[in-house]
Amino acid sequence: MLPGFLDEIILRNIAVGDNRLDFVVRRAGDEVATHVLRRTGDVKVTVTN
């Protein structure tokens, strides 16, 4: 969930072990969507609610 004043946040160069990733969290109506923009290495992203 994003606060009401924020429609989108982009997180870049997040380290997960030796891997890195960029992703966006974006408001989509009453829901929030996540999209991986870039990843290096064998990192896997799982989104749950």
PDB file of N, CA and C in Angstrom:
ATOM      1  N   MET A   1       0.836  -1.173   0.000  1.00  0.00           N
ATOM      2  CA  MET A   1       0.000   0.000   0.000  1.00  0.00           C
ATOM      3  C   MET A   1       0.887   1.245   0.000  1.00  0.00           C
ATOM      4  N   LEU A   2       0.513   2.200  -0.799  1.00  0.00           N
ATOM      5  CA  LEU A   2       1.232   3.467  -0.859  1.00  0.00           C
ATOM      6  C   LEU A   2       0.422   4.539  -0.142  1.00  0.00           C
ATOM      7  N   PRO A   3       1.089   5.491   0.488  1.00  0.00           N
ATOM      8  CA  PRO A   3       0.347   6.603   1.087  1.00  0.00           C
ATOM      9  C   PRO A   3      -0.388   7.398   0.003  1.00  0.00           C
ATOM     10  N   GLY A   4      -1.470   8.074   0.377  1.00  0.00           N
ATOM     11  CA  GLY A   4      -2.313   8.781  -0.567  1.00  0.00           C
ATOM     12  C   GLY A   4      -1.604   9.807  -1.428  1.00  0.00           C
ATOM     13  N   PHE A   5      -0.544  10.408  -0.926  1.00  0.00           N
ATOM     14  CA  PHE A   5       0.164  11.450  -1.675  1.00  0.00           C
ATOM     15  C   PHE A   5       1.187  10.887  -2.656  1.00  0.00           C
ATOM     16  N   LEU A   6       1.369   9.575  -2.676  1.00  0.00           N
ATOM     17  CA  LEU A   6       2.423   8.958  -3.479  1.00  0.00           C
ATOM     18  C   LEU A   6       1.805   7.962  -4.457  1.00  0.00           C
ATOM     19  N   ASP A   7       1.974   8.190  -5.750  1.00  0.00           N
ATOM     20  CA  ASP A   7       1.439   7.283  -6.769  1.00  0.00           C
ATOM     21  C   ASP A   7       2.458   6.273  -7.267  1.00  0.00           C
ATOM     22  N   GLU A   8       3.747   6.582  -7.088  1.00  0.00           N
ATOM     23  CA  GLU A   8       4.792   5.713  -7.628  1.00  0.00           C
ATOM     24  C   GLU A   8       6.084   5.935  -6.869  1.00  0.00           C
ATOM     25  N   ILE A   9       6.822   4.837  -6.685  1.00  0.00           N
ATOM     26  CA  ILE A   9       8.166   4.940  -6.122  1.00  0.00           C
ATOM     27  C   ILE A   9       9.057   3.972  -6.904  1.00  0.00           C
ATOM     28  N   ILE A  10      10.248   4.443  -7.253  1.00  0.00           N
ATOM     29  CA  ILE A  10      11.216   3.605  -7.969  1.00  0.00           C
ATOM     30  C   ILE A  10      12.410   3.382  -7.049  1.00  0.00           C
ATOM     31  N   LEU A  11      12.742   2.126  -6.848  1.00  0.00           N
ATOM     32  CA  LEU A  11      13.894   1.746  -6.029  1.00  0.00           C
ATOM     33  C   LEU A  11      14.965   1.203  -6.969  1.00  0.00           C
ATOM     34  N   ARG A  12      16.147   1.773  -6.894  1.00  0.00           N
ATOM     35  CA  ARG A  12      17.223   1.401  -7.828  1.00  0.00           C
ATOM     36  C   ARG A  12      18.436   0.843  -7.087  1.00  0.00           C
ATOM     37  N   ASN A  13      19.071  -0.115  -7.753  1.00  0.00           N
ATOM     38  CA  ASN A  13      20.338  -0.673  -7.297  1.00  0.00           C
ATOM     39  C   ASN A  13      20.225  -1.313  -5.907  1.00  0.00           C
ATOM     40  N   ILE A  14      19.107  -2.012  -5.662  1.00  0.00           N
ATOM     41  CA  ILE A  14      18.890  -2.700  -4.388  1.00  0.00           C
ATOM     42  C   ILE A  14      19.730  -3.978  -4.386  1.00  0.00           C
ATOM     43  N   ALA A  15      20.559  -4.131  -3.361  1.00  0.00           N
ATOM     44  CA  ALA A  15      21.426  -5.307  -3.260  1.00  0.00           C
ATOM     45  C   ALA A  15      20.678  -6.447  -2.575  1.00  0.00           C
ATOM     46  N   VAL A  16      20.736  -7.627  -3.203  1.00  0.00           N
ATOM     47  CA  VAL A  16      20.202  -8.856  -2.630  1.00  0.00           C
ATOM     48  C   VAL A  16      21.319  -9.879  -2.752  1.00  0.00           C
ATOM     49  N   GLY A  17      22.085 -10.028  -1.688  1.00  0.00           N
ATOM     50  CA  GLY A  17      23.296 -10.839  -1.782  1.00  0.00           C
ATOM     51  C   GLY A  17      24.257 -10.180  -2.748  1.00  0.00           C
ATOM     52  N   ASP A  18      24.755 -10.949  -3.722  1.00  0.00           N
ATOM     53  CA  ASP A  18      25.650 -10.401  -4.746  1.00  0.00           C
ATOM     54  C   ASP A  18      24.887  -9.862  -5.954  1.00  0.00           C
ATOM     55  N   ASN A  19      23.571  -9.919  -5.912  1.00  0.00           N
ATOM     56  CA  ASN A  19      22.727  -9.496  -7.025  1.00  0.00           C
ATOM     57  C   ASN A  19      22.215  -8.077  -6.799  1.00  0.00           C
ATOM     58  N   ARG A  20      21.711  -7.468  -7.861  1.00  0.00           N
ATOM     59  CA  ARG A  20      21.152  -6.115  -7.782  1.00  0.00           C
ATOM     60  C   ARG A  20      19.856  -6.066  -8.585  1.00  0.00           C
ATOM     61  N   LEU A  21      18.939  -5.188  -8.169  1.00  0.00           N
ATOM     62  CA  LEU A  21      17.733  -5.008  -8.946  1.00  0.00           C
ATOM     63  C   LEU A  21      17.161  -3.607  -8.781  1.00  0.00           C
ATOM     64  N   ASP A  22      16.413  -3.192  -9.792  1.00  0.00           N
ATOM     65  CA  ASP A  22      15.646  -1.948  -9.783  1.00  0.00           C
ATOM     66  C   ASP A  22      14.192  -2.365  -9.941  1.00  0.00           C
ATOM     67  N   PHE A  23      13.288  -1.750  -9.179  1.00  0.00           N
ATOM     68  CA  PHE A  23      11.886  -2.034  -9.377  1.00  0.00           C
ATOM     69  C   PHE A  23      11.036  -0.822  -9.035  1.00  0.00           C
ATOM     70  N   VAL A  24       9.816  -0.835  -9.573  1.00  0.00           N
ATOM     71  CA  VAL A  24       8.874   0.254  -9.361  1.00  0.00           C
ATOM     72  C   VAL A  24       7.644  -0.300  -8.649  1.00  0.00           C
ATOM     73  N   VAL A  25       7.113   0.482  -7.718  1.00  0.00           N
ATOM     74  CA  VAL A  25       5.843   0.190  -7.069  1.00  0.00           C
ATOM     75  C   VAL A  25       4.914   1.329  -7.471  1.00  0.00           C
ATOM     76  N   ARG A  26       3.776   0.993  -8.102  1.00  0.00           N
ATOM     77  CA  ARG A  26       2.920   2.015  -8.701  1.00  0.00           C
ATOM     78  C   ARG A  26       1.461   1.752  -8.334  1.00  0.00           C
ATOM     79  N   ARG A  27       0.756   2.831  -8.014  1.00  0.00           N
ATOM     80  CA  ARG A  27      -0.677   2.731  -7.746  1.00  0.00           C
ATOM     81  C   ARG A  27      -1.400   2.427  -9.049  1.00  0.00           C
ATOM     82  N   ALA A  28      -2.334   1.471  -8.985  1.00  0.00           N
ATOM     83  CA  ALA A  28      -3.153   1.093 -10.144  1.00  0.00           C
ATOM     84  C   ALA A  28      -4.597   1.021  -9.651  1.00  0.00           C
ATOM     85  N   GLY A  29      -5.276   2.151  -9.634  1.00  0.00           N
ATOM     86  CA  GLY A  29      -6.632   2.203  -9.088  1.00  0.00           C
ATOM     87  C   GLY A  29      -6.584   2.010  -7.582  1.00  0.00           C
ATOM     88  N   ASP A  30      -7.291   1.006  -7.097  1.00  0.00           N
ATOM     89  CA  ASP A  30      -7.297   0.697  -5.664  1.00  0.00           C
ATOM     90  C   ASP A  30      -6.206  -0.295  -5.277  1.00  0.00           C
ATOM     91  N   GLU A  31      -5.408  -0.713  -6.236  1.00  0.00           N
ATOM     92  CA  GLU A  31      -4.359  -1.701  -5.989  1.00  0.00           C
ATOM     93  C   GLU A  31      -2.990  -1.087  -6.232  1.00  0.00           C
ATOM     94  N   VAL A  32      -1.969  -1.849  -5.900  1.00  0.00           N
ATOM     95  CA  VAL A  32      -0.587  -1.441  -6.131  1.00  0.00           C
ATOM     96  C   VAL A  32       0.086  -2.521  -6.960  1.00  0.00           C
ATOM     97  N   ALA A  33       0.770  -2.108  -8.026  1.00  0.00           N
ATOM     98  CA  ALA A  33       1.461  -3.041  -8.905  1.00  0.00           C
ATOM     99  C   ALA A  33       2.972  -2.868  -8.741  1.00  0.00           C
ATOM    100  N   THR A  34       3.698  -3.966  -8.886  1.00  0.00           N
ATOM    101  CA  THR A  34       5.150  -3.960  -8.801  1.00  0.00           C
ATOM    102  C   THR A  34       5.713  -4.495 -10.112  1.00  0.00           C
ATOM    103  N   HIS A  35       6.765  -3.855 -10.597  1.00  0.00           N
ATOM    104  CA  HIS A  35       7.377  -4.275 -11.853  1.00  0.00           C
ATOM    105  C   HIS A  35       8.894  -4.176 -11.710  1.00  0.00           C
ATOM    106  N   VAL A  36       9.588  -5.248 -12.051  1.00  0.00           N
ATOM    107  CA  VAL A  36      11.051  -5.251 -12.022  1.00  0.00           C
ATOM    108  C   VAL A  36      11.549  -4.567 -13.288  1.00  0.00           C
ATOM    109  N   LEU A  37      12.363  -3.535 -13.116  1.00  0.00           N
ATOM    110  CA  LEU A  37      12.907  -2.786 -14.249  1.00  0.00           C
ATOM    111  C   LEU A  37      14.226  -3.358 -14.734  1.00  0.00           C
ATOM    112  N   ARG A  38      15.052  -3.837 -13.781  1.00  0.00           N
ATOM    113  CA  ARG A  38      16.377  -4.364 -14.129  1.00  0.00           C
ATOM    114  C   ARG A  38      16.817  -5.296 -13.021  1.00  0.00           C
ATOM    115  N   ARG A  39      17.483  -6.354 -13.396  1.00  0.00           N
ATOM    116  CA  ARG A  39      18.090  -7.217 -12.382  1.00  0.00           C
ATOM    117  C   ARG A  39      19.382  -7.799 -12.918  1.00  0.00           C
ATOM    118  N   THR A  40      20.325  -7.980 -12.031  1.00  0.00           N
ATOM    119  CA  THR A  40      21.581  -8.630 -12.378  1.00  0.00           C
ATOM    120  C   THR A  40      21.739  -9.834 -11.470  1.00  0.00           C
ATOM    121  N   GLY A  41      22.231 -10.907 -12.019  1.00  0.00           N
ATOM    122  CA  GLY A  41      22.386 -12.124 -11.240  1.00  0.00           C
ATOM    123  C   GLY A  41      21.117 -12.953 -11.275  1.00  0.00           C
ATOM    124  N   ASP A  42      21.035 -13.908 -10.372  1.00  0.00           N
ATOM    125  CA  ASP A  42      19.954 -14.888 -10.356  1.00  0.00           C
ATOM    126  C   ASP A  42      18.947 -14.580  -9.241  1.00  0.00           C
ATOM    127  N   VAL A  43      18.670 -13.313  -9.024  1.00  0.00           N
ATOM    128  CA  VAL A  43      17.728 -12.925  -7.977  1.00  0.00           C
ATOM    129  C   VAL A  43      16.297 -13.119  -8.498  1.00  0.00           C
ATOM    130  N   LYS A  44      15.413 -13.637  -7.644  1.00  0.00           N
ATOM    131  CA  LYS A  44      14.010 -13.824  -7.990  1.00  0.00           C
ATOM    132  C   LYS A  44      13.177 -12.929  -7.090  1.00  0.00           C
ATOM    133  N   VAL A  45      12.124 -12.343  -7.646  1.00  0.00           N
ATOM    134  CA  VAL A  45      11.265 -11.427  -6.902  1.00  0.00           C
ATOM    135  C   VAL A  45       9.890 -12.074  -6.778  1.00  0.00           C
ATOM    136  N   THR A  46       9.372 -12.139  -5.553  1.00  0.00           N
ATOM    137  CA  THR A  46       8.034 -12.651  -5.289  1.00  0.00           C
ATOM    138  C   THR A  46       7.260 -11.584  -4.546  1.00  0.00           C
ATOM    139  N   VAL A  47       6.070 -11.263  -5.028  1.00  0.00           N
ATOM    140  CA  VAL A  47       5.215 -10.256  -4.400  1.00  0.00           C
ATOM    141  C   VAL A  47       4.035 -10.964  -3.775  1.00  0.00           C
ATOM    142  N   THR A  48       3.787 -10.691  -2.496  1.00  0.00           N
ATOM    143  CA  THR A  48       2.644 -11.260  -1.792  1.00  0.00           C
ATOM    144  C   THR A  48       1.901 -10.157  -1.070  1.00  0.00           C
ATOM    145  N   ASN A  49       0.688 -10.429  -0.687  1.00  0.00           N
ATOM    146  CA  ASN A  49      -0.053  -9.443   0.100  1.00  0.00           C
ATOM    147  C   ASN A  49      -0.550 -10.026   1.381  1.00  0.00           C
TER     148      ASN A  49
END
